C-alpha atoms as a PDB file:
ATOM      1  CA  MET A   1     -51.899  66.566  34.338  1.00  0.00           C
ATOM      2  CA  LEU A   2     -49.644  63.143  32.685  1.00  0.00           C
ATOM      3  CA  GLN A   3     -51.208  63.095  29.209  1.00  0.00           C
ATOM      4  CA  TYR A   4     -50.745  66.878  29.265  1.00  0.00           C
ATOM      5  CA  ALA A   5     -47.048  66.255  30.208  1.00  0.00           C
ATOM      6  CA  PHE A   6     -46.838  62.978  28.505  1.00  0.00           C
ATOM      7  CA  LYS A   7     -48.080  65.210  24.986  1.00  0.00           C
ATOM      8  CA  ARG A   8     -45.322  68.106  25.741  1.00  0.00           C
ATOM      9  CA  ALA A   9     -42.039  65.570  26.759  1.00  0.00           C
ATOM     10  CA  LEU A  10     -43.059  64.180  22.999  1.00  0.00           C
ATOM     11  CA  SER A  11     -42.909  67.598  21.235  1.00  0.00           C
ATOM     12  CA  LEU A  12     -40.138  68.330  23.031  1.00  0.00           C
ATOM     13  CA  CYS A  13     -38.166  65.579  21.318  1.00  0.00           C
ATOM     14  CA  LEU A  14     -39.523  66.033  18.181  1.00  0.00           C
ATOM     15  CA  SER A  15     -38.374  69.516  18.570  1.00  0.00           C
ATOM     16  CA  LEU A  16     -35.125  68.387  19.389  1.00  0.00           C
ATOM     17  CA  CYS A  17     -34.051  65.846  16.560  1.00  0.00           C
ATOM     18  CA  LEU A  18     -35.670  69.310  13.982  1.00  0.00           C
ATOM     19  CA  ALA A  19     -33.154  71.430  15.837  1.00  0.00           C
ATOM     20  CA  SER A  20     -30.226  69.347  16.082  1.00  0.00           C
ATOM     21  CA  VAL A  21     -30.862  68.397  11.682  1.00  0.00           C
ATOM     22  CA  VAL A  22     -30.635  72.677  11.240  1.00  0.00           C
ATOM     23  CA  ILE A  23     -27.735  73.032  13.551  1.00  0.00           C
ATOM     24  CA  PHE A  24     -25.454  70.860  12.283  1.00  0.00           C
ATOM     25  CA  ALA A  25     -26.521  71.766   7.944  1.00  0.00           C
ATOM     26  CA  VAL A  26     -26.349  75.463   8.761  1.00  0.00           C
ATOM     27  CA  VAL A  27     -22.749  75.024  10.436  1.00  0.00           C
ATOM     28  CA  GLU A  28     -21.721  72.940   8.035  1.00  0.00           C
ATOM     29  CA  ILE A  29     -22.399  74.606   4.861  1.00  0.00           C
ATOM     30  CA  ALA A  30     -20.274  77.838   6.673  1.00  0.00           C
ATOM     31  CA  PRO A  31     -17.205  78.549   4.030  1.00  0.00           C
ATOM     32  CA  GLY A  32     -14.040  77.574   5.523  1.00  0.00           C
ATOM     33  CA  ASP A  33     -12.496  74.358   6.505  1.00  0.00           C
ATOM     34  CA  PRO A  34     -11.460  73.819   9.825  1.00  0.00           C
ATOM     35  CA  ALA A  35      -8.239  71.180   9.103  1.00  0.00           C
ATOM     36  CA  SER A  36      -6.567  74.350   6.432  1.00  0.00           C
ATOM     37  CA  PHE A  37      -7.702  76.985   9.375  1.00  0.00           C
ATOM     38  CA  MET A  38      -5.329  75.495  11.995  1.00  0.00           C
ATOM     39  CA  LEU A  39      -3.047  74.694   9.581  1.00  0.00           C
ATOM     40  CA  GLY A  40      -2.546  78.109   7.632  1.00  0.00           C
ATOM     41  CA  ILE A  41      -2.639  78.118   3.958  1.00  0.00           C
ATOM     42  CA  ASN A  42       1.152  78.014   3.772  1.00  0.00           C
ATOM     43  CA  ALA A  43      -0.100  73.998   4.458  1.00  0.00           C
ATOM     44  CA  GLN A  44       0.407  70.964   1.787  1.00  0.00           C
ATOM     45  CA  PRO A  45      -2.265  69.001   0.313  1.00  0.00           C
ATOM     46  CA  ASP A  46      -1.363  65.910   2.314  1.00  0.00           C
ATOM     47  CA  THR A  47      -1.030  67.431   5.205  1.00  0.00           C
ATOM     48  CA  ILE A  48      -4.384  69.176   5.499  1.00  0.00           C
ATOM     49  CA  ALA A  49      -6.102  65.356   4.317  1.00  0.00           C
ATOM     50  CA  ALA A  50      -4.146  63.814   7.295  1.00  0.00           C
ATOM     51  CA  LEU A  51      -5.421  66.203   9.934  1.00  0.00           C
ATOM     52  CA  ARG A  52      -9.009  65.752   8.199  1.00  0.00           C
ATOM     53  CA  ALA A  53      -8.580  61.915   8.979  1.00  0.00           C
ATOM     54  CA  GLU A  54      -7.425  62.770  11.751  1.00  0.00           C
ATOM     55  CA  LEU A  55     -10.672  65.046  13.258  1.00  0.00           C
ATOM     56  CA  GLY A  56     -12.914  62.714  11.177  1.00  0.00           C
ATOM     57  CA  LEU A  57     -13.842  65.351   9.237  1.00  0.00           C
ATOM     58  CA  ASP A  58     -12.922  63.259   5.505  1.00  0.00           C
ATOM     59  CA  GLN A  59     -16.161  60.936   7.080  1.00  0.00           C
ATOM     60  CA  GLY A  60     -19.342  61.334   5.001  1.00  0.00           C
ATOM     61  CA  LYS A  61     -22.193  64.351   6.675  1.00  0.00           C
ATOM     62  CA  PHE A  62     -24.408  62.153   7.197  1.00  0.00           C
ATOM     63  CA  VAL A  63     -22.053  59.658   9.168  1.00  0.00           C
ATOM     64  CA  ARG A  64     -21.025  62.481  11.339  1.00  0.00           C
ATOM     65  CA  TYR A  65     -24.634  64.232  12.108  1.00  0.00           C
ATOM     66  CA  LEU A  66     -25.273  60.823  13.246  1.00  0.00           C
ATOM     67  CA  GLU A  67     -21.746  60.029  15.311  1.00  0.00           C
ATOM     68  CA  TRP A  68     -22.728  63.356  16.528  1.00  0.00           C
ATOM     69  CA  THR A  69     -25.929  63.236  17.613  1.00  0.00           C
ATOM     70  CA  GLY A  70     -25.872  59.464  18.565  1.00  0.00           C
ATOM     71  CA  GLY A  71     -22.279  60.576  21.459  1.00  0.00           C
ATOM     72  CA  MET A  72     -24.522  63.326  22.685  1.00  0.00           C
ATOM     73  CA  LEU A  73     -27.124  60.639  23.469  1.00  0.00           C
ATOM     74  CA  ARG A  74     -24.493  58.718  25.336  1.00  0.00           C
ATOM     75  CA  GLY A  75     -22.943  61.982  27.027  1.00  0.00           C
ATOM     76  CA  ASP A  76     -20.297  62.767  25.461  1.00  0.00           C
ATOM     77  CA  PHE A  77     -20.102  65.828  22.762  1.00  0.00           C
ATOM     78  CA  GLY A  78     -16.627  65.246  21.118  1.00  0.00           C
ATOM     79  CA  THR A  79     -13.123  66.743  21.432  1.00  0.00           C
ATOM     80  CA  SER A  80     -12.051  70.426  20.499  1.00  0.00           C
ATOM     81  CA  TYR A  81     -10.399  70.057  17.444  1.00  0.00           C
ATOM     82  CA  THR A  82      -8.404  73.367  19.023  1.00  0.00           C
ATOM     83  CA  TYR A  83      -7.566  72.950  22.428  1.00  0.00           C
ATOM     84  CA  ARG A  84      -7.970  69.174  21.848  1.00  0.00           C
ATOM     85  CA  SER A  85     -10.145  68.929  25.002  1.00  0.00           C
ATOM     86  CA  PRO A  86     -13.355  67.243  25.709  1.00  0.00           C
ATOM     87  CA  ILE A  87     -16.203  69.571  24.943  1.00  0.00           C
ATOM     88  CA  THR A  88     -18.305  68.480  27.590  1.00  0.00           C
ATOM     89  CA  ASP A  89     -15.271  68.510  30.343  1.00  0.00           C
ATOM     90  CA  MET A  90     -15.629  72.822  28.813  1.00  0.00           C
ATOM     91  CA  VAL A  91     -18.675  73.031  28.555  1.00  0.00           C
ATOM     92  CA  VAL A  92     -19.350  71.879  32.147  1.00  0.00           C
ATOM     93  CA  GLU A  93     -16.107  74.187  33.183  1.00  0.00           C
ATOM     94  CA  ARG A  94     -17.468  77.280  31.693  1.00  0.00           C
ATOM     95  CA  MET A  95     -22.063  76.190  32.727  1.00  0.00           C
ATOM     96  CA  TRP A  96     -20.004  76.975  36.378  1.00  0.00           C
ATOM     97  CA  VAL A  97     -20.334  80.470  34.679  1.00  0.00           C
ATOM     98  CA  SER A  98     -23.258  81.256  32.989  1.00  0.00           C
ATOM     99  CA  LEU A  99     -25.491  79.419  34.144  1.00  0.00           C
ATOM    100  CA  PRO A 100     -25.046  81.881  37.697  1.00  0.00           C
ATOM    101  CA  LEU A 101     -24.571  84.178  35.848  1.00  0.00           C
ATOM    102  CA  ALA A 102     -28.120  83.783  33.837  1.00  0.00           C
ATOM    103  CA  LEU A 103     -30.179  82.760  37.462  1.00  0.00           C
ATOM    104  CA  TYR A 104     -28.767  85.974  38.991  1.00  0.00           C
ATOM    105  CA  ALA A 105     -29.773  88.181  36.407  1.00  0.00           C
ATOM    106  CA  LEU A 106     -32.951  86.539  36.099  1.00  0.00           C
ATOM    107  CA  ALA A 107     -33.599  86.752  40.183  1.00  0.00           C
ATOM    108  CA  LEU A 108     -32.810  90.772  39.705  1.00  0.00           C
ATOM    109  CA  SER A 109     -35.271  91.188  36.478  1.00  0.00           C
ATOM    110  CA  THR A 110     -37.771  89.118  38.864  1.00  0.00           C
ATOM    111  CA  LEU A 111     -37.345  91.495  41.764  1.00  0.00           C
ATOM    112  CA  ILE A 112     -37.149  94.826  40.022  1.00  0.00           C
ATOM    113  CA  ALA A 113     -40.334  94.369  37.608  1.00  0.00           C
ATOM    114  CA  PHE A 114     -42.865  92.846  39.574  1.00  0.00           C
ATOM    115  CA  PRO A 115     -43.294  94.899  42.586  1.00  0.00           C
ATOM    116  CA  VAL A 116     -42.584  97.406  39.376  1.00  0.00           C
ATOM    117  CA  GLY A 117     -45.429  95.804  37.374  1.00  0.00           C
ATOM    118  CA  LEU A 118     -47.839  95.708  40.341  1.00  0.00           C
ATOM    119  CA  TYR A 119     -47.376  99.434  41.612  1.00  0.00           C
ATOM    120  CA  ALA A 120     -48.282 100.416  37.670  1.00  0.00           C
ATOM    121  CA  ALA A 121     -51.419  98.493  37.694  1.00  0.00           C
ATOM    122  CA  SER A 122     -52.474  99.950  40.487  1.00  0.00           C
ATOM    123  CA  LYS A 123     -52.031 102.767  39.865  1.00  0.00           C
ATOM    124  CA  ARG A 124     -53.075 102.781  36.317  1.00  0.00           C
ATOM    125  CA  GLY A 125     -53.515 105.741  34.647  1.00  0.00           C
ATOM    126  CA  ALA A 126     -51.411 108.404  37.068  1.00  0.00           C
ATOM    127  CA  PRO A 127     -48.832 110.229  36.489  1.00  0.00           C
ATOM    128  CA  SER A 128     -47.167 107.473  38.437  1.00  0.00           C
ATOM    129  CA  ASP A 129     -47.673 104.963  36.531  1.00  0.00           C
ATOM    130  CA  PHE A 130     -47.310 107.106  33.227  1.00  0.00           C
ATOM    131  CA  ALA A 131     -43.235 107.983  35.187  1.00  0.00           C
ATOM    132  CA  VAL A 132     -42.655 104.371  35.691  1.00  0.00           C
ATOM    133  CA  MET A 133     -43.157 103.296  32.724  1.00  0.00           C
ATOM    134  CA  GLY A 134     -41.356 106.578  31.372  1.00  0.00           C
ATOM    135  CA  VAL A 135     -38.004 104.443  32.574  1.00  0.00           C
ATOM    136  CA  THR A 136     -39.078 100.687  31.259  1.00  0.00           C
ATOM    137  CA  GLN A 137     -39.134 102.356  27.487  1.00  0.00           C
ATOM    138  CA  LEU A 138     -35.827 103.893  28.789  1.00  0.00           C
ATOM    139  CA  GLY A 139     -34.516 100.922  29.734  1.00  0.00           C
ATOM    140  CA  ILE A 140     -35.186  98.782  26.645  1.00  0.00           C
ATOM    141  CA  ALA A 141     -33.947 101.314  24.481  1.00  0.00           C
ATOM    142  CA  ILE A 142     -30.311 100.878  26.399  1.00  0.00           C
ATOM    143  CA  PRO A 143     -27.993  98.646  24.950  1.00  0.00           C
ATOM    144  CA  ASN A 144     -26.576  96.522  27.381  1.00  0.00           C
ATOM    145  CA  PHE A 145     -23.484  96.217  26.427  1.00  0.00           C
ATOM    146  CA  TRP A 146     -23.752 100.829  26.318  1.00  0.00           C
ATOM    147  CA  PHE A 147     -25.371 100.152  29.985  1.00  0.00           C
ATOM    148  CA  ALA A 148     -22.431  97.688  30.725  1.00  0.00           C
ATOM    149  CA  MET A 149     -19.792  99.554  30.085  1.00  0.00           C
ATOM    150  CA  ILE A 150     -21.358 102.509  31.993  1.00  0.00           C
ATOM    151  CA  LEU A 151     -21.095 100.315  35.608  1.00  0.00           C
ATOM    152  CA  VAL A 152     -18.044  99.160  34.748  1.00  0.00           C
ATOM    153  CA  VAL A 153     -16.641 103.073  34.833  1.00  0.00           C
ATOM    154  CA  ILE A 154     -18.760 104.045  37.274  1.00  0.00           C
ATOM    155  CA  PHE A 155     -18.124 101.314  39.741  1.00  0.00           C
ATOM    156  CA  ALA A 156     -15.018  99.921  38.857  1.00  0.00           C
ATOM    157  CA  ILE A 157     -12.678 102.230  37.429  1.00  0.00           C
ATOM    158  CA  LYS A 158     -14.308 105.355  39.923  1.00  0.00           C
ATOM    159  CA  LEU A 159     -15.664 103.823  43.196  1.00  0.00           C
ATOM    160  CA  ARG A 160     -13.780 100.702  43.187  1.00  0.00           C
ATOM    161  CA  TRP A 161     -16.445  98.330  44.670  1.00  0.00           C
ATOM    162  CA  PHE A 162     -15.681  95.693  41.632  1.00  0.00           C
ATOM    163  CA  SER A 163     -13.657  94.160  39.499  1.00  0.00           C
ATOM    164  CA  ALA A 164     -14.229  96.029  35.823  1.00  0.00           C
ATOM    165  CA  GLY A 165     -14.160  92.257  34.288  1.00  0.00           C
ATOM    166  CA  GLY A 166     -12.769  88.472  35.247  1.00  0.00           C
ATOM    167  CA  PHE A 167     -14.453  86.040  37.730  1.00  0.00           C
ATOM    168  CA  ALA A 168     -13.012  85.182  40.850  1.00  0.00           C
ATOM    169  CA  GLY A 169     -13.640  81.306  41.211  1.00  0.00           C
ATOM    170  CA  TRP A 170     -16.239  79.760  43.574  1.00  0.00           C
ATOM    171  CA  ASP A 171     -13.123  78.667  45.172  1.00  0.00           C
ATOM    172  CA  ASP A 172     -12.828  81.849  47.550  1.00  0.00           C
ATOM    173  CA  GLY A 173     -16.179  81.491  48.323  1.00  0.00           C
ATOM    174  CA  LEU A 174     -19.766  82.096  47.456  1.00  0.00           C
ATOM    175  CA  PHE A 175     -20.173  86.534  47.804  1.00  0.00           C
ATOM    176  CA  ILE A 176     -16.873  86.539  46.447  1.00  0.00           C
ATOM    177  CA  GLY A 177     -17.710  84.859  43.071  1.00  0.00           C
ATOM    178  CA  LEU A 178     -20.822  86.526  42.857  1.00  0.00           C
ATOM    179  CA  LYS A 179     -19.288  89.764  43.042  1.00  0.00           C
ATOM    180  CA  SER A 180     -17.722  88.978  40.368  1.00  0.00           C
ATOM    181  CA  LEU A 181     -20.988  88.033  38.369  1.00  0.00           C
ATOM    182  CA  THR A 182     -22.998  91.320  39.457  1.00  0.00           C
ATOM    183  CA  LEU A 183     -22.124  93.898  37.365  1.00  0.00           C
ATOM    184  CA  PRO A 184     -22.684  91.578  34.439  1.00  0.00           C
ATOM    185  CA  ALA A 185     -25.978  90.808  35.834  1.00  0.00           C
ATOM    186  CA  ILE A 186     -27.298  93.965  36.761  1.00  0.00           C
ATOM    187  CA  SER A 187     -26.156  94.816  32.911  1.00  0.00           C
ATOM    188  CA  LEU A 188     -28.236  92.253  31.588  1.00  0.00           C
ATOM    189  CA  ALA A 189     -31.169  92.176  34.154  1.00  0.00           C
ATOM    190  CA  LEU A 190     -32.417  95.550  33.248  1.00  0.00           C
ATOM    191  CA  PRO A 191     -33.539  95.477  30.616  1.00  0.00           C
ATOM    192  CA  GLN A 192     -34.794  92.120  30.862  1.00  0.00           C
ATOM    193  CA  ALA A 193     -37.076  94.148  33.959  1.00  0.00           C
ATOM    194  CA  SER A 194     -37.892  96.673  31.823  1.00  0.00           C
ATOM    195  CA  ILE A 195     -39.464  94.771  29.595  1.00  0.00           C
ATOM    196  CA  LEU A 196     -41.317  91.855  32.745  1.00  0.00           C
ATOM    197  CA  SER A 197     -42.718  95.610  34.150  1.00  0.00           C
ATOM    198  CA  ARG A 198     -44.381  95.843  31.504  1.00  0.00           C
ATOM    199  CA  VAL A 199     -45.721  92.611  30.314  1.00  0.00           C
ATOM    200  CA  MET A 200     -46.611  92.373  33.934  1.00  0.00           C
ATOM    201  CA  ARG A 201     -48.286  95.900  34.480  1.00  0.00           C
ATOM    202  CA  SER A 202     -50.434  95.081  31.157  1.00  0.00           C
ATOM    203  CA  ALA A 203     -51.318  90.681  32.216  1.00  0.00           C
ATOM    204  CA  LEU A 204     -52.560  92.935  35.938  1.00  0.00           C
ATOM    205  CA  ILE A 205     -54.504  95.900  34.117  1.00  0.00           C
ATOM    206  CA  GLU A 206     -56.122  93.021  31.395  1.00  0.00           C
ATOM    207  CA  THR A 207     -57.011  90.734  33.894  1.00  0.00           C
ATOM    208  CA  LEU A 208     -58.596  93.460  36.501  1.00  0.00           C
ATOM    209  CA  SER A 209     -61.345  94.271  33.878  1.00  0.00           C
ATOM    210  CA  GLU A 210     -62.856  90.596  34.280  1.00  0.00           C
ATOM    211  CA  ASP A 211     -66.221  89.959  35.090  1.00  0.00           C
ATOM    212  CA  TYR A 212     -64.910  88.034  38.220  1.00  0.00           C
ATOM    213  CA  ILE A 213     -62.892  91.108  38.884  1.00  0.00           C
ATOM    214  CA  ARG A 214     -65.760  93.101  39.785  1.00  0.00           C
ATOM    215  CA  THR A 215     -68.007  90.969  41.422  1.00  0.00           C
ATOM    216  CA  ALA A 216     -64.984  90.758  44.620  1.00  0.00           C
ATOM    217  CA  ARG A 217     -64.868  94.340  44.360  1.00  0.00           C
ATOM    218  CA  ALA A 218     -68.623  94.604  44.534  1.00  0.00           C
ATOM    219  CA  LYS A 219     -68.708  92.052  47.477  1.00  0.00           C
ATOM    220  CA  GLY A 220     -66.537  94.360  49.245  1.00  0.00           C
ATOM    221  CA  VAL A 221     -63.064  93.181  48.394  1.00  0.00           C
ATOM    222  CA  SER A 222     -60.633  95.475  48.867  1.00  0.00           C
ATOM    223  CA  ARG A 223     -58.678  96.641  45.562  1.00  0.00           C
ATOM    224  CA  THR A 224     -55.261  95.403  47.341  1.00  0.00           C
ATOM    225  CA  ALA A 225     -56.634  92.522  48.103  1.00  0.00           C
ATOM    226  CA  VAL A 226     -58.330  91.729  44.786  1.00  0.00           C
ATOM    227  CA  LEU A 227     -54.831  92.982  43.033  1.00  0.00           C
ATOM    228  CA  TRP A 228     -53.203  89.840  44.875  1.00  0.00           C
ATOM    229  CA  ARG A 229     -55.192  87.346  45.672  1.00  0.00           C
ATOM    230  CA  HIS A 230     -57.621  87.035  42.370  1.00  0.00           C
ATOM    231  CA  ALA A 231     -55.901  88.982  39.525  1.00  0.00           C
ATOM    232  CA  LEU A 232     -51.785  88.459  40.194  1.00  0.00           C
ATOM    233  CA  ARG A 233     -52.907  84.739  39.247  1.00  0.00           C
ATOM    234  CA  ASN A 234     -54.538  84.506  36.441  1.00  0.00           C
ATOM    235  CA  ALA A 235     -52.396  87.272  35.123  1.00  0.00           C
ATOM    236  CA  MET A 236     -49.354  85.519  35.122  1.00  0.00           C
ATOM    237  CA  ILE A 237     -49.605  83.068  32.435  1.00  0.00           C
ATOM    238  CA  PRO A 238     -47.962  85.872  29.540  1.00  0.00           C
ATOM    239  CA  VAL A 239     -45.296  86.611  32.855  1.00  0.00           C
ATOM    240  CA  LEU A 240     -44.098  83.734  32.989  1.00  0.00           C
ATOM    241  CA  THR A 241     -43.741  82.639  28.943  1.00  0.00           C
ATOM    242  CA  ILE A 242     -41.586  85.617  29.610  1.00  0.00           C
ATOM    243  CA  ILE A 243     -39.500  84.774  32.421  1.00  0.00           C
ATOM    244  CA  GLY A 244     -39.073  81.598  30.771  1.00  0.00           C
ATOM    245  CA  LEU A 245     -37.944  82.865  27.217  1.00  0.00           C
ATOM    246  CA  GLN A 246     -36.020  85.711  29.236  1.00  0.00           C
ATOM    247  CA  PHE A 247     -33.300  82.662  31.094  1.00  0.00           C
ATOM    248  CA  SER A 248     -33.109  81.205  27.593  1.00  0.00           C
ATOM    249  CA  PHE A 249     -31.452  84.542  26.647  1.00  0.00           C
ATOM    250  CA  LEU A 250     -29.665  85.279  28.676  1.00  0.00           C
ATOM    251  CA  MET A 251     -28.150  81.539  29.438  1.00  0.00           C
ATOM    252  CA  ALA A 252     -27.873  81.602  24.925  1.00  0.00           C
ATOM    253  CA  GLY A 253     -27.780  85.233  24.585  1.00  0.00           C
ATOM    254  CA  ALA A 254     -24.931  86.558  26.903  1.00  0.00           C
ATOM    255  CA  ILE A 255     -22.048  86.847  24.216  1.00  0.00           C
ATOM    256  CA  ILE A 256     -21.537  90.508  24.780  1.00  0.00           C
ATOM    257  CA  ILE A 257     -21.435  90.923  28.437  1.00  0.00           C
ATOM    258  CA  GLU A 258     -19.470  88.505  28.789  1.00  0.00           C
ATOM    259  CA  GLN A 259     -16.836  90.073  26.519  1.00  0.00           C
ATOM    260  CA  VAL A 260     -17.206  92.880  27.647  1.00  0.00           C
ATOM    261  CA  PHE A 261     -16.492  91.702  31.213  1.00  0.00           C
ATOM    262  CA  PHE A 262     -13.617  88.965  29.895  1.00  0.00           C
ATOM    263  CA  LEU A 263     -15.879  85.848  31.749  1.00  0.00           C
ATOM    264  CA  PRO A 264     -15.164  82.877  30.996  1.00  0.00           C
ATOM    265  CA  GLY A 265     -18.680  81.614  29.817  1.00  0.00           C
ATOM    266  CA  LEU A 266     -20.610  79.650  27.242  1.00  0.00           C
ATOM    267  CA  GLY A 267     -21.275  82.991  24.753  1.00  0.00           C
ATOM    268  CA  ARG A 268     -17.469  83.814  25.313  1.00  0.00           C
ATOM    269  CA  LEU A 269     -16.561  79.696  24.220  1.00  0.00           C
ATOM    270  CA  VAL A 270     -19.162  80.057  21.423  1.00  0.00           C
ATOM    271  CA  PHE A 271     -17.068  83.201  20.300  1.00  0.00           C
ATOM    272  CA  GLN A 272     -14.315  81.393  20.300  1.00  0.00           C
ATOM    273  CA  ALA A 273     -15.207  78.425  18.395  1.00  0.00           C
ATOM    274  CA  ILE A 274     -16.953  80.035  15.399  1.00  0.00           C
ATOM    275  CA  THR A 275     -13.601  82.426  15.268  1.00  0.00           C
ATOM    276  CA  GLN A 276     -11.397  79.671  15.171  1.00  0.00           C
ATOM    277  CA  ARG A 277     -13.564  77.560  13.404  1.00  0.00           C
ATOM    278  CA  ASP A 278     -13.987  75.276  16.037  1.00  0.00           C
ATOM    279  CA  LEU A 279     -17.117  73.563  14.122  1.00  0.00           C
ATOM    280  CA  ILE A 280     -17.167  70.517  16.688  1.00  0.00           C
ATOM    281  CA  VAL A 281     -17.392  73.106  19.923  1.00  0.00           C
ATOM    282  CA  VAL A 282     -20.089  75.232  17.686  1.00  0.00           C
ATOM    283  CA  GLU A 283     -22.725  72.637  17.041  1.00  0.00           C
ATOM    284  CA  SER A 284     -22.532  70.696  20.544  1.00  0.00           C
ATOM    285  CA  VAL A 285     -23.404  74.279  22.148  1.00  0.00           C
ATOM    286  CA  VAL A 286     -25.506  76.196  19.966  1.00  0.00           C
ATOM    287  CA  MET A 287     -27.707  72.203  20.518  1.00  0.00           C
ATOM    288  CA  LEU A 288     -27.100  72.345  24.561  1.00  0.00           C
ATOM    289  CA  LEU A 289     -27.846  75.728  24.481  1.00  0.00           C
ATOM    290  CA  VAL A 290     -31.319  74.439  22.344  1.00  0.00           C
ATOM    291  CA  PHE A 291     -31.891  72.119  24.454  1.00  0.00           C
ATOM    292  CA  ALA A 292     -31.731  75.012  27.575  1.00  0.00           C
ATOM    293  CA  VAL A 293     -34.131  76.840  25.545  1.00  0.00           C
ATOM    294  CA  ILE A 294     -36.278  73.812  25.006  1.00  0.00           C
ATOM    295  CA  SER A 295     -36.756  72.088  28.431  1.00  0.00           C
ATOM    296  CA  VAL A 296     -36.930  75.213  29.730  1.00  0.00           C
ATOM    297  CA  ASN A 297     -39.874  76.105  27.770  1.00  0.00           C
ATOM    298  CA  PHE A 298     -42.030  72.876  28.377  1.00  0.00           C
ATOM    299  CA  PHE A 299     -41.152  73.405  32.124  1.00  0.00           C
ATOM    300  CA  ILE A 300     -43.269  76.581  31.670  1.00  0.00           C
ATOM    301  CA  ASP A 301     -46.023  74.770  29.820  1.00  0.00           C
ATOM    302  CA  LEU A 302     -46.495  72.490  32.653  1.00  0.00           C
ATOM    303  CA  THR A 303     -46.471  75.341  35.275  1.00  0.00           C
ATOM    304  CA  TYR A 304     -49.373  76.917  32.919  1.00  0.00           C
ATOM    305  CA  ALA A 305     -51.293  73.368  33.669  1.00  0.00           C
ATOM    306  CA  ALA A 306     -50.565  73.936  37.261  1.00  0.00           C
ATOM    307  CA  VAL A 307     -51.657  77.692  36.766  1.00  0.00           C
ATOM    308  CA  ASP A 308     -54.151  77.538  33.993  1.00  0.00           C
ATOM    309  CA  PRO A 309     -57.056  73.779  35.058  1.00  0.00           C
ATOM    310  CA  ARG A 310     -58.930  74.152  31.709  1.00  0.00           C
ATOM    311  CA  LEU A 311     -55.252  73.244  29.808  1.00  0.00           C
ATOM    312  CA  ARG A 312     -54.956  69.845  31.781  1.00  0.00           C
ATOM    313  CA  HIS A 313     -58.851  68.550  30.656  1.00  0.00           C
ATOM    314  CA  GLY A 314     -58.429  70.396  26.774  1.00  0.00           C
ATOM    315  CA  SER A 315     -60.219  73.934  27.545  1.00  0.00           C
END
């Protein structure tokens, strides 16, 4: 197990190194100069040059890349061009919104998908199975930002159960904070629950056709017991893969939802940084999100090895 974990950790480090090069290169070749954008079109060339020197943009790209990556290794993401404040503080402040939102949406997605997938697999071929799959297909097809606006109209404007936007903060209590994130979390969880339930159903149906399942059934084990004791664990590998990918998407792909609900999260921070040409913020936040994605995949790989011992022995 330790050897397997070491190999996956080495792969993680190599992936992060490659990702840092790609992110820096893509952001750097994007058109537009941050200093010219900040000073406006009427700024004098010497003023722009002075600001570029102050921001460190007059240095070579390779030097700036080394300073950026070296700072990240020390936990220093640099200073925002626009706000002139440490990016680490900005990220930590907004992480208290994005991370709970992603976990909340993932929890809702999992709580919905597992019983739906189990029910559909146990009723394979029945009218109820087709009905459930039709509903999940509809959930995948509906854009989450459109669904978010429908939720706002119904539960915020008509019923007034929730606020239409903004984040109350955690200082007023856990319940108030979660209440502010409920509608965004439901908006994000709907398509993810639909995808996860379909994957759960497919994995269970494939597992239920294995020989050892038929042997257990021949020994008199009930279908429900076979489903819970034998099939579920062996069907978890593709399900864990989707859960890991969904968490990564919920962390990095909630920009539109954060815009709809005016949430001060990482997605909104990246959006504002792109519009303001705050390149150092874009690079640092995107790199942090890539690190989160790769780290989640790393822990999912370790979970694979815990679930399936064959992976630990390379078989």
